[in-house]
Amino acid sequence: MSSLDIFITLFIIFWTLYGFFRGLVSELISVICWSSAIYFSSNYFYLPADFIDEFINSRQISNILAFIAIFVSTFIISAILGFVFSRFINVVGLGSLNKITGLFFGFVKGMIFMLIIVYILNLTEFRESIIFQESKYLSVFDAIIDKYLTSSSNFFDNIDLKI
């Protein structure tokens, strides 16, 4: 087992345990929290930007501050709702199920993060290094990347981002 394989194993174990300790509810709320914060701040930053622009007189800075304000506000509200919902799950008595499903979700999350890291590293010259050559796990990630990510490279061409 190479040093890269050990790192990959520890990375996935970390995210699996992290998911277990937080539980599925907290993990899902976290994903919803980040997604909603990005969505609302990307699509509605212009609303407070007009107000901020009256004080700063710089449209770019107003847009950035409005984006950050909406992002942080949405994130805080989502986090509070997630905390309340997670406590409710524990009170109802579903804490054990929450932890076990959180373990699985954490594993999947760790695998997705590792796929993203390997995909990005495949685009660099680092891929040719001896560390990559010795790894036994990378062939698994490469197979997944070749099957699902490489064939859908034009997926991002069709997305209309409004940032």
N, C-alpha and C. Protein backbone atom coordinates (compact mmCIF):
# COMPACT_ATOMS: atom_id res chain seq x y z
N MET A 1 0.85 -1.17 0.00
CA MET A 1 0.00 0.00 0.00
C MET A 1 0.90 1.24 0.00
N SER A 2 0.67 2.11 -0.95
CA SER A 2 1.50 3.31 -1.08
C SER A 2 1.05 4.39 -0.09
N SER A 3 1.86 5.43 0.01
CA SER A 3 1.51 6.52 0.92
C SER A 3 0.24 7.24 0.46
N LEU A 4 0.02 7.30 -0.85
CA LEU A 4 -1.20 7.92 -1.36
C LEU A 4 -2.43 7.08 -1.00
N ASP A 5 -2.29 5.76 -1.07
CA ASP A 5 -3.39 4.88 -0.68
C ASP A 5 -3.72 5.02 0.81
N ILE A 6 -2.69 5.18 1.62
CA ILE A 6 -2.91 5.40 3.05
C ILE A 6 -3.64 6.72 3.27
N PHE A 7 -3.23 7.76 2.56
CA PHE A 7 -3.90 9.06 2.66
C PHE A 7 -5.37 8.93 2.24
N ILE A 8 -5.63 8.26 1.13
CA ILE A 8 -7.00 8.09 0.65
C ILE A 8 -7.84 7.35 1.69
N THR A 9 -7.27 6.29 2.26
CA THR A 9 -7.99 5.52 3.27
C THR A 9 -8.31 6.38 4.49
N LEU A 10 -7.33 7.12 4.98
CA LEU A 10 -7.55 7.97 6.15
C LEU A 10 -8.54 9.09 5.84
N PHE A 11 -8.48 9.63 4.64
CA PHE A 11 -9.40 10.68 4.22
C PHE A 11 -10.84 10.17 4.25
N ILE A 12 -11.06 8.99 3.69
CA ILE A 12 -12.42 8.43 3.64
C ILE A 12 -12.88 8.01 5.03
N ILE A 13 -11.98 7.47 5.84
CA ILE A 13 -12.33 7.12 7.22
C ILE A 13 -12.72 8.37 8.00
N PHE A 14 -11.98 9.46 7.80
CA PHE A 14 -12.31 10.71 8.48
C PHE A 14 -13.73 11.14 8.16
N TRP A 15 -14.08 11.18 6.87
CA TRP A 15 -15.41 11.65 6.48
C TRP A 15 -16.49 10.67 6.92
N THR A 16 -16.18 9.37 6.96
CA THR A 16 -17.14 8.38 7.44
C THR A 16 -17.43 8.58 8.92
N LEU A 17 -16.38 8.75 9.71
CA LEU A 17 -16.58 8.99 11.15
C LEU A 17 -17.24 10.34 11.41
N TYR A 18 -16.87 11.32 10.62
CA TYR A 18 -17.49 12.64 10.74
C TYR A 18 -19.00 12.54 10.50
N GLY A 19 -19.39 11.78 9.48
CA GLY A 19 -20.80 11.57 9.20
C GLY A 19 -21.50 10.81 10.32
N PHE A 20 -20.80 9.84 10.90
CA PHE A 20 -21.38 9.08 12.01
C PHE A 20 -21.64 9.98 13.21
N PHE A 21 -20.65 10.77 13.61
CA PHE A 21 -20.81 11.61 14.79
C PHE A 21 -21.82 12.73 14.59
N ARG A 22 -21.92 13.24 13.39
CA ARG A 22 -22.89 14.31 13.14
C ARG A 22 -24.28 13.75 12.88
N GLY A 23 -24.36 12.58 12.27
CA GLY A 23 -25.64 11.98 11.95
C GLY A 23 -26.14 12.42 10.58
N LEU A 24 -27.04 11.64 10.02
CA LEU A 24 -27.56 11.92 8.68
C LEU A 24 -28.29 13.25 8.63
N VAL A 25 -29.08 13.53 9.65
CA VAL A 25 -29.86 14.77 9.62
C VAL A 25 -28.95 15.98 9.55
N SER A 26 -27.93 16.02 10.39
CA SER A 26 -27.01 17.16 10.37
C SER A 26 -26.24 17.24 9.06
N GLU A 27 -25.87 16.10 8.52
CA GLU A 27 -25.14 16.09 7.25
C GLU A 27 -26.03 16.58 6.10
N LEU A 28 -27.26 16.11 6.05
CA LEU A 28 -28.17 16.56 5.00
C LEU A 28 -28.50 18.04 5.15
N ILE A 29 -28.71 18.47 6.38
CA ILE A 29 -28.98 19.89 6.62
C ILE A 29 -27.77 20.71 6.19
N SER A 30 -26.58 20.20 6.41
CA SER A 30 -25.36 20.90 5.99
C SER A 30 -25.32 21.07 4.48
N VAL A 31 -25.65 20.01 3.75
CA VAL A 31 -25.67 20.09 2.28
C VAL A 31 -26.74 21.08 1.83
N ILE A 32 -27.92 21.00 2.44
CA ILE A 32 -29.00 21.93 2.09
C ILE A 32 -28.60 23.36 2.45
N CYS A 33 -27.94 23.52 3.58
CA CYS A 33 -27.51 24.84 4.04
C CYS A 33 -26.55 25.47 3.04
N TRP A 34 -25.51 24.74 2.65
CA TRP A 34 -24.54 25.27 1.68
C TRP A 34 -25.21 25.54 0.33
N SER A 35 -26.03 24.60 -0.11
CA SER A 35 -26.69 24.76 -1.42
C SER A 35 -27.62 25.96 -1.43
N SER A 36 -28.42 26.10 -0.38
CA SER A 36 -29.36 27.23 -0.36
C SER A 36 -28.61 28.55 -0.21
N ALA A 37 -27.54 28.57 0.57
CA ALA A 37 -26.76 29.81 0.72
C ALA A 37 -26.16 30.23 -0.62
N ILE A 38 -25.62 29.28 -1.34
CA ILE A 38 -25.04 29.58 -2.66
C ILE A 38 -26.13 30.02 -3.63
N TYR A 39 -27.26 29.30 -3.62
CA TYR A 39 -28.35 29.63 -4.55
C TYR A 39 -28.90 31.03 -4.30
N PHE A 40 -29.27 31.31 -3.05
CA PHE A 40 -29.89 32.61 -2.76
C PHE A 40 -28.92 33.77 -2.95
N SER A 41 -27.68 33.58 -2.54
CA SER A 41 -26.72 34.68 -2.70
C SER A 41 -26.38 34.89 -4.17
N SER A 42 -26.36 33.83 -4.97
CA SER A 42 -26.06 33.98 -6.40
C SER A 42 -27.21 34.61 -7.17
N ASN A 43 -28.43 34.30 -6.78
CA ASN A 43 -29.58 34.76 -7.55
C ASN A 43 -30.22 36.05 -7.04
N TYR A 44 -29.97 36.42 -5.79
CA TYR A 44 -30.66 37.57 -5.22
C TYR A 44 -29.72 38.62 -4.63
N PHE A 45 -28.45 38.57 -4.97
CA PHE A 45 -27.50 39.54 -4.43
C PHE A 45 -27.83 40.96 -4.87
N TYR A 46 -28.47 41.10 -6.01
CA TYR A 46 -28.75 42.44 -6.56
C TYR A 46 -29.77 43.21 -5.72
N LEU A 47 -30.61 42.51 -4.96
CA LEU A 47 -31.63 43.21 -4.16
C LEU A 47 -31.02 44.12 -3.10
N PRO A 48 -30.16 43.61 -2.21
CA PRO A 48 -29.55 44.53 -1.25
C PRO A 48 -28.39 45.34 -1.85
N ALA A 49 -27.89 44.93 -3.01
CA ALA A 49 -26.77 45.66 -3.62
C ALA A 49 -27.16 47.09 -3.95
N ASP A 50 -28.40 47.30 -4.38
CA ASP A 50 -28.86 48.67 -4.68
C ASP A 50 -28.84 49.54 -3.42
N PHE A 51 -29.27 48.97 -2.32
CA PHE A 51 -29.27 49.70 -1.05
C PHE A 51 -27.84 50.00 -0.59
N ILE A 52 -26.97 49.01 -0.67
CA ILE A 52 -25.57 49.18 -0.24
C ILE A 52 -24.86 50.18 -1.14
N ASP A 53 -25.22 50.18 -2.41
CA ASP A 53 -24.56 51.08 -3.38
C ASP A 53 -24.78 52.55 -3.05
N GLU A 54 -25.87 52.87 -2.36
CA GLU A 54 -26.13 54.25 -1.96
C GLU A 54 -25.08 54.76 -0.96
N PHE A 55 -24.49 53.85 -0.21
CA PHE A 55 -23.51 54.24 0.81
C PHE A 55 -22.06 54.10 0.34
N ILE A 56 -21.82 53.16 -0.56
CA ILE A 56 -20.43 52.86 -0.95
C ILE A 56 -20.06 53.46 -2.30
N ASN A 57 -21.00 53.62 -3.19
CA ASN A 57 -20.77 54.17 -4.53
C ASN A 57 -19.80 53.34 -5.37
N SER A 58 -19.81 52.06 -5.17
CA SER A 58 -19.03 51.14 -6.01
C SER A 58 -19.89 49.90 -6.23
N ARG A 59 -20.31 49.71 -7.46
CA ARG A 59 -21.22 48.61 -7.77
C ARG A 59 -20.58 47.26 -7.47
N GLN A 60 -19.31 47.09 -7.79
CA GLN A 60 -18.64 45.81 -7.56
C GLN A 60 -18.57 45.48 -6.08
N ILE A 61 -18.18 46.46 -5.27
CA ILE A 61 -18.09 46.22 -3.83
C ILE A 61 -19.48 45.99 -3.25
N SER A 62 -20.47 46.72 -3.74
CA SER A 62 -21.85 46.52 -3.28
C SER A 62 -22.33 45.11 -3.59
N ASN A 63 -22.03 44.63 -4.79
CA ASN A 63 -22.42 43.28 -5.17
C ASN A 63 -21.74 42.24 -4.28
N ILE A 64 -20.46 42.43 -4.03
CA ILE A 64 -19.72 41.48 -3.19
C ILE A 64 -20.27 41.47 -1.77
N LEU A 65 -20.48 42.65 -1.20
CA LEU A 65 -21.01 42.74 0.16
C LEU A 65 -22.42 42.16 0.26
N ALA A 66 -23.24 42.41 -0.75
CA ALA A 66 -24.59 41.86 -0.76
C ALA A 66 -24.56 40.34 -0.86
N PHE A 67 -23.68 39.82 -1.71
CA PHE A 67 -23.52 38.38 -1.86
C PHE A 67 -23.13 37.76 -0.52
N ILE A 68 -22.13 38.35 0.14
CA ILE A 68 -21.66 37.84 1.43
C ILE A 68 -22.76 37.93 2.49
N ALA A 69 -23.49 39.04 2.52
CA ALA A 69 -24.55 39.22 3.51
C ALA A 69 -25.65 38.17 3.34
N ILE A 70 -26.08 37.95 2.11
CA ILE A 70 -27.13 36.95 1.87
C ILE A 70 -26.61 35.56 2.17
N PHE A 71 -25.37 35.28 1.78
CA PHE A 71 -24.78 33.96 2.02
C PHE A 71 -24.73 33.67 3.52
N VAL A 72 -24.19 34.60 4.28
CA VAL A 72 -24.05 34.39 5.73
C VAL A 72 -25.42 34.30 6.40
N SER A 73 -26.35 35.16 6.02
CA SER A 73 -27.69 35.13 6.61
C SER A 73 -28.39 33.80 6.33
N THR A 74 -28.36 33.37 5.09
CA THR A 74 -28.99 32.11 4.73
C THR A 74 -28.32 30.95 5.45
N PHE A 75 -27.01 30.99 5.52
CA PHE A 75 -26.26 29.93 6.18
C PHE A 75 -26.62 29.85 7.67
N ILE A 76 -26.70 30.98 8.34
CA ILE A 76 -27.03 31.00 9.77
C ILE A 76 -28.45 30.50 10.01
N ILE A 77 -29.40 30.96 9.22
CA ILE A 77 -30.79 30.51 9.38
C ILE A 77 -30.90 29.01 9.14
N SER A 78 -30.26 28.51 8.09
CA SER A 78 -30.29 27.08 7.80
C SER A 78 -29.63 26.27 8.91
N ALA A 79 -28.53 26.77 9.43
CA ALA A 79 -27.82 26.05 10.51
C ALA A 79 -28.68 25.97 11.77
N ILE A 80 -29.38 27.05 12.10
CA ILE A 80 -30.25 27.04 13.27
C ILE A 80 -31.39 26.05 13.08
N LEU A 81 -32.01 26.07 11.91
CA LEU A 81 -33.08 25.11 11.63
C LEU A 81 -32.57 23.68 11.67
N GLY A 82 -31.38 23.45 11.16
CA GLY A 82 -30.78 22.12 11.19
C GLY A 82 -30.50 21.65 12.60
N PHE A 83 -30.02 22.55 13.45
CA PHE A 83 -29.76 22.21 14.85
C PHE A 83 -31.05 21.82 15.55
N VAL A 84 -32.10 22.59 15.35
CA VAL A 84 -33.39 22.30 15.98
C VAL A 84 -33.94 20.96 15.49
N PHE A 85 -33.87 20.73 14.19
CA PHE A 85 -34.38 19.48 13.62
C PHE A 85 -33.58 18.28 14.11
N SER A 86 -32.27 18.43 14.22
CA SER A 86 -31.42 17.35 14.70
C SER A 86 -31.74 17.01 16.16
N ARG A 87 -31.97 18.01 16.98
CA ARG A 87 -32.34 17.77 18.38
C ARG A 87 -33.70 17.07 18.46
N PHE A 88 -34.61 17.45 17.58
CA PHE A 88 -35.92 16.81 17.54
C PHE A 88 -35.79 15.32 17.23
N ILE A 89 -34.94 14.98 16.28
CA ILE A 89 -34.72 13.57 15.91
C ILE A 89 -34.20 12.78 17.11
N ASN A 90 -33.29 13.37 17.87
CA ASN A 90 -32.75 12.68 19.05
C ASN A 90 -33.81 12.51 20.14
N VAL A 91 -34.67 13.51 20.31
CA VAL A 91 -35.73 13.43 21.32
C VAL A 91 -36.74 12.35 20.95
N VAL A 92 -37.05 12.23 19.68
CA VAL A 92 -38.03 11.24 19.22
C VAL A 92 -37.50 9.82 19.41
N GLY A 93 -36.19 9.67 19.47
CA GLY A 93 -35.61 8.34 19.69
C GLY A 93 -35.00 7.72 18.45
N LEU A 94 -34.79 8.52 17.43
CA LEU A 94 -34.19 8.00 16.20
C LEU A 94 -32.70 8.31 16.11
N GLY A 95 -32.08 8.58 17.25
CA GLY A 95 -30.67 8.97 17.27
C GLY A 95 -29.75 7.90 16.70
N SER A 96 -30.00 6.63 17.03
CA SER A 96 -29.13 5.55 16.54
C SER A 96 -29.24 5.39 15.03
N LEU A 97 -30.46 5.43 14.53
CA LEU A 97 -30.66 5.33 13.08
C LEU A 97 -30.02 6.53 12.38
N ASN A 98 -30.13 7.69 12.99
CA ASN A 98 -29.53 8.90 12.45
C ASN A 98 -28.01 8.74 12.35
N LYS A 99 -27.38 8.17 13.37
CA LYS A 99 -25.92 7.98 13.38
C LYS A 99 -25.48 6.96 12.32
N ILE A 100 -26.20 5.85 12.23
CA ILE A 100 -25.81 4.80 11.27
C ILE A 100 -25.97 5.28 9.84
N THR A 101 -27.06 5.94 9.54
CA THR A 101 -27.23 6.47 8.18
C THR A 101 -26.26 7.61 7.92
N GLY A 102 -25.90 8.35 8.96
CA GLY A 102 -24.88 9.39 8.84
C GLY A 102 -23.52 8.79 8.49
N LEU A 103 -23.22 7.61 9.02
CA LEU A 103 -21.99 6.90 8.70
C LEU A 103 -21.92 6.61 7.21
N PHE A 104 -23.01 6.08 6.66
CA PHE A 104 -23.06 5.78 5.23
C PHE A 104 -22.95 7.06 4.40
N PHE A 105 -23.68 8.09 4.80
CA PHE A 105 -23.64 9.36 4.07
C PHE A 105 -22.24 9.97 4.12
N GLY A 106 -21.58 9.87 5.27
CA GLY A 106 -20.21 10.38 5.39
C GLY A 106 -19.25 9.64 4.48
N PHE A 107 -19.44 8.32 4.34
CA PHE A 107 -18.61 7.54 3.43
C PHE A 107 -18.80 8.02 1.99
N VAL A 108 -20.05 8.18 1.59
CA VAL A 108 -20.34 8.64 0.23
C VAL A 108 -19.78 10.04 0.00
N LYS A 109 -19.92 10.90 0.98
CA LYS A 109 -19.39 12.26 0.89
C LYS A 109 -17.86 12.23 0.74
N GLY A 110 -17.18 11.40 1.51
CA GLY A 110 -15.73 11.26 1.40
C GLY A 110 -15.31 10.75 0.04
N MET A 111 -16.06 9.80 -0.50
CA MET A 111 -15.75 9.28 -1.84
C MET A 111 -15.94 10.36 -2.90
N ILE A 112 -16.99 11.13 -2.78
CA ILE A 112 -17.24 12.21 -3.75
C ILE A 112 -16.13 13.25 -3.68
N PHE A 113 -15.75 13.64 -2.46
CA PHE A 113 -14.65 14.60 -2.32
C PHE A 113 -13.37 14.04 -2.94
N MET A 114 -13.09 12.76 -2.71
CA MET A 114 -11.87 12.16 -3.26
C MET A 114 -11.95 12.09 -4.78
N LEU A 115 -13.12 11.81 -5.33
CA LEU A 115 -13.29 11.82 -6.78
C LEU A 115 -12.99 13.20 -7.36
N ILE A 116 -13.47 14.22 -6.69
CA ILE A 116 -13.22 15.59 -7.16
C ILE A 116 -11.74 15.91 -7.10
N ILE A 117 -11.08 15.52 -6.01
CA ILE A 117 -9.64 15.78 -5.88
C ILE A 117 -8.86 15.04 -6.96
N VAL A 118 -9.17 13.76 -7.17
CA VAL A 118 -8.46 12.98 -8.19
C VAL A 118 -8.73 13.55 -9.58
N TYR A 119 -9.97 13.94 -9.84
CA TYR A 119 -10.31 14.52 -11.13
C TYR A 119 -9.48 15.78 -11.40
N ILE A 120 -9.38 16.64 -10.40
CA ILE A 120 -8.60 17.87 -10.56
C ILE A 120 -7.12 17.55 -10.73
N LEU A 121 -6.61 16.62 -9.93
CA LEU A 121 -5.19 16.25 -10.05
C LEU A 121 -4.88 15.59 -11.38
N ASN A 122 -5.87 14.92 -11.97
CA ASN A 122 -5.66 14.32 -13.30
C ASN A 122 -5.41 15.38 -14.37
N LEU A 123 -5.84 16.58 -14.11
CA LEU A 123 -5.66 17.67 -15.07
C LEU A 123 -4.28 18.33 -14.95
N THR A 124 -3.49 17.90 -13.97
CA THR A 124 -2.18 18.51 -13.74
C THR A 124 -1.07 17.54 -14.09
N GLU A 125 0.15 18.04 -14.04
CA GLU A 125 1.31 17.19 -14.28
C GLU A 125 1.64 16.32 -13.07
N PHE A 126 1.06 16.62 -11.94
CA PHE A 126 1.29 15.82 -10.74
C PHE A 126 0.88 14.37 -10.95
N ARG A 127 -0.04 14.15 -11.86
CA ARG A 127 -0.54 12.81 -12.15
C ARG A 127 0.58 11.87 -12.62
N GLU A 128 1.62 12.42 -13.21
CA GLU A 128 2.73 11.61 -13.71
C GLU A 128 3.74 11.25 -12.63
N SER A 129 3.57 11.75 -11.41
CA SER A 129 4.56 11.50 -10.36
C SER A 129 4.52 10.04 -9.90
N ILE A 130 5.58 9.64 -9.24
CA ILE A 130 5.73 8.26 -8.78
C ILE A 130 4.68 7.89 -7.73
N ILE A 131 4.22 8.87 -6.97
CA ILE A 131 3.20 8.61 -5.94
C ILE A 131 1.92 8.09 -6.60
N PHE A 132 1.54 8.70 -7.70
CA PHE A 132 0.35 8.26 -8.43
C PHE A 132 0.57 6.90 -9.07
N GLN A 133 1.76 6.65 -9.56
CA GLN A 133 2.05 5.39 -10.25
C GLN A 133 1.97 4.20 -9.29
N GLU A 134 2.33 4.41 -8.01
CA GLU A 134 2.34 3.32 -7.04
C GLU A 134 0.97 3.03 -6.43
N SER A 135 0.03 3.91 -6.58
CA SER A 135 -1.27 3.78 -5.93
C SER A 135 -2.11 2.67 -6.56
N LYS A 136 -2.76 1.90 -5.69
CA LYS A 136 -3.66 0.84 -6.16
C LYS A 136 -5.11 1.32 -6.19
N TYR A 137 -5.43 2.33 -5.38
CA TYR A 137 -6.80 2.83 -5.31
C TYR A 137 -7.16 3.75 -6.47
N LEU A 138 -6.18 4.39 -7.06
CA LEU A 138 -6.48 5.37 -8.10
C LEU A 138 -7.15 4.76 -9.32
N SER A 139 -6.88 3.48 -9.59
CA SER A 139 -7.53 2.85 -10.74
C SER A 139 -9.04 2.79 -10.55
N VAL A 140 -9.48 2.63 -9.30
CA VAL A 140 -10.92 2.61 -9.01
C VAL A 140 -11.52 3.99 -9.28
N PHE A 141 -10.85 5.03 -8.78
CA PHE A 141 -11.34 6.39 -9.01
C PHE A 141 -11.27 6.77 -10.49
N ASP A 142 -10.21 6.34 -11.17
CA ASP A 142 -10.08 6.63 -12.60
C ASP A 142 -11.20 5.98 -13.40
N ALA A 143 -11.58 4.75 -13.03
CA ALA A 143 -12.66 4.07 -13.73
C ALA A 143 -13.98 4.82 -13.56
N ILE A 144 -14.24 5.29 -12.35
CA ILE A 144 -15.47 6.06 -12.09
C ILE A 144 -15.44 7.38 -12.85
N ILE A 145 -14.29 8.05 -12.82
CA ILE A 145 -14.15 9.33 -13.53
C ILE A 145 -14.34 9.13 -15.03
N ASP A 146 -13.72 8.09 -15.58
CA ASP A 146 -13.86 7.83 -17.02
C ASP A 146 -15.30 7.52 -17.41
N LYS A 147 -15.99 6.78 -16.55
CA LYS A 147 -17.36 6.38 -16.87
C LYS A 147 -18.36 7.52 -16.73
N TYR A 148 -18.23 8.32 -15.67
CA TYR A 148 -19.27 9.30 -15.37
C TYR A 148 -18.90 10.75 -15.63
N LEU A 149 -17.65 11.12 -15.42
CA LEU A 149 -17.29 12.53 -15.54
C LEU A 149 -16.75 12.90 -16.91
N THR A 150 -15.92 12.05 -17.47
CA THR A 150 -15.33 12.38 -18.76
C THR A 150 -16.37 12.37 -19.87
N SER A 151 -17.31 11.43 -19.81
CA SER A 151 -18.31 11.34 -20.86
C SER A 151 -19.32 12.49 -20.80
N SER A 152 -19.42 13.15 -19.66
CA SER A 152 -20.39 14.24 -19.53
C SER A 152 -19.69 15.59 -19.37
N SER A 153 -18.57 15.76 -20.06
CA SER A 153 -17.82 17.00 -19.91
C SER A 153 -18.57 18.21 -20.45
N ASN A 154 -19.50 17.99 -21.37
CA ASN A 154 -20.25 19.13 -21.88
C ASN A 154 -21.44 19.49 -20.98
N PHE A 155 -21.63 18.79 -19.88
CA PHE A 155 -22.70 19.09 -18.94
C PHE A 155 -22.60 20.52 -18.43
N PHE A 156 -21.39 20.95 -18.09
CA PHE A 156 -21.20 22.28 -17.54
C PHE A 156 -21.33 23.37 -18.59
N ASP A 157 -21.22 23.02 -19.86
CA ASP A 157 -21.39 24.00 -20.92
C ASP A 157 -22.84 24.49 -21.02
N ASN A 158 -23.78 23.66 -20.56
CA ASN A 158 -25.19 23.99 -20.69
C ASN A 158 -25.77 24.68 -19.45
N ILE A 159 -24.96 24.87 -18.42
CA ILE A 159 -25.44 25.50 -17.20
C ILE A 159 -25.28 27.01 -17.32
N ASP A 160 -26.36 27.72 -16.99
CA ASP A 160 -26.34 29.18 -17.06
C ASP A 160 -26.19 29.73 -15.65
N LEU A 161 -24.97 30.09 -15.27
CA LEU A 161 -24.73 30.65 -13.94
C LEU A 161 -24.99 32.14 -13.97
N LYS A 162 -25.63 32.63 -12.92
CA LYS A 162 -26.01 34.04 -12.88
C LYS A 162 -25.21 34.80 -11.83
N ILE A 163 -23.94 34.59 -11.79
CA ILE A 163 -23.11 35.29 -10.81
C ILE A 163 -22.59 36.56 -11.40
